[in-house]
Amino acid sequence: ASLGGATYRRIEAAEYASAAKLP
């Protein structure tokens, strides 16, 4: 995910946070 869309960036942030929660 490397698009410049604002909505896409929000999804990326959510994915990043979800991945950070994984051990």
N, C-alpha and C. Protein backbone atom coordinates (compact mmCIF):
# COMPACT_ATOMS: atom_id res chain seq x y z
N ALA A 1 0.84 -1.21 0.00
CA ALA A 1 0.00 0.00 0.00
C ALA A 1 0.87 1.24 0.00
N SER A 2 0.87 1.93 -1.10
CA SER A 2 1.72 3.12 -1.19
C SER A 2 1.05 4.23 -2.00
N LEU A 3 -0.28 4.21 -2.01
CA LEU A 3 -0.99 5.25 -2.75
C LEU A 3 -0.98 6.56 -1.98
N GLY A 4 -1.30 7.66 -2.64
CA GLY A 4 -1.27 8.97 -1.99
C GLY A 4 -2.66 9.43 -1.58
N GLY A 5 -3.63 8.53 -1.61
CA GLY A 5 -4.99 8.91 -1.24
C GLY A 5 -5.13 9.10 0.26
N ALA A 6 -5.93 10.08 0.67
CA ALA A 6 -6.13 10.33 2.10
C ALA A 6 -6.81 9.14 2.75
N THR A 7 -7.83 8.62 2.09
CA THR A 7 -8.55 7.47 2.63
C THR A 7 -7.63 6.27 2.69
N TYR A 8 -6.83 6.10 1.64
CA TYR A 8 -5.91 4.97 1.59
C TYR A 8 -4.89 5.08 2.72
N ARG A 9 -4.45 6.30 2.99
CA ARG A 9 -3.47 6.51 4.06
C ARG A 9 -4.08 6.10 5.40
N ARG A 10 -5.36 6.37 5.57
CA ARG A 10 -6.04 6.00 6.82
C ARG A 10 -6.04 4.48 6.97
N ILE A 11 -6.31 3.80 5.87
CA ILE A 11 -6.32 2.33 5.89
C ILE A 11 -4.92 1.83 6.22
N GLU A 12 -3.90 2.46 5.64
CA GLU A 12 -2.52 2.05 5.90
C GLU A 12 -2.20 2.22 7.37
N ALA A 13 -2.63 3.32 7.96
CA ALA A 13 -2.37 3.57 9.38
C ALA A 13 -3.04 2.50 10.23
N ALA A 14 -4.25 2.11 9.85
CA ALA A 14 -4.97 1.08 10.60
C ALA A 14 -4.24 -0.25 10.47
N GLU A 15 -3.76 -0.57 9.27
CA GLU A 15 -3.04 -1.82 9.07
C GLU A 15 -1.75 -1.82 9.87
N TYR A 16 -1.07 -0.67 9.89
CA TYR A 16 0.18 -0.57 10.63
C TYR A 16 -0.06 -0.79 12.12
N ALA A 17 -1.10 -0.17 12.63
CA ALA A 17 -1.42 -0.31 14.06
C ALA A 17 -1.78 -1.76 14.36
N SER A 18 -2.51 -2.39 13.45
CA SER A 18 -2.92 -3.78 13.66
C SER A 18 -1.68 -4.68 13.65
N ALA A 19 -0.76 -4.41 12.74
CA ALA A 19 0.46 -5.22 12.64
C ALA A 19 1.34 -5.00 13.86
N ALA A 20 1.35 -3.79 14.37
CA ALA A 20 2.19 -3.48 15.53
C ALA A 20 1.69 -4.23 16.76
N LYS A 21 0.40 -4.55 16.77
CA LYS A 21 -0.16 -5.25 17.92
C LYS A 21 0.26 -6.73 17.92
N LEU A 22 0.60 -7.24 16.74
CA LEU A 22 1.00 -8.64 16.66
C LEU A 22 2.35 -8.82 17.33
N PRO A 23 2.61 -9.99 17.91
CA PRO A 23 3.87 -10.26 18.61
C PRO A 23 5.04 -10.41 17.64
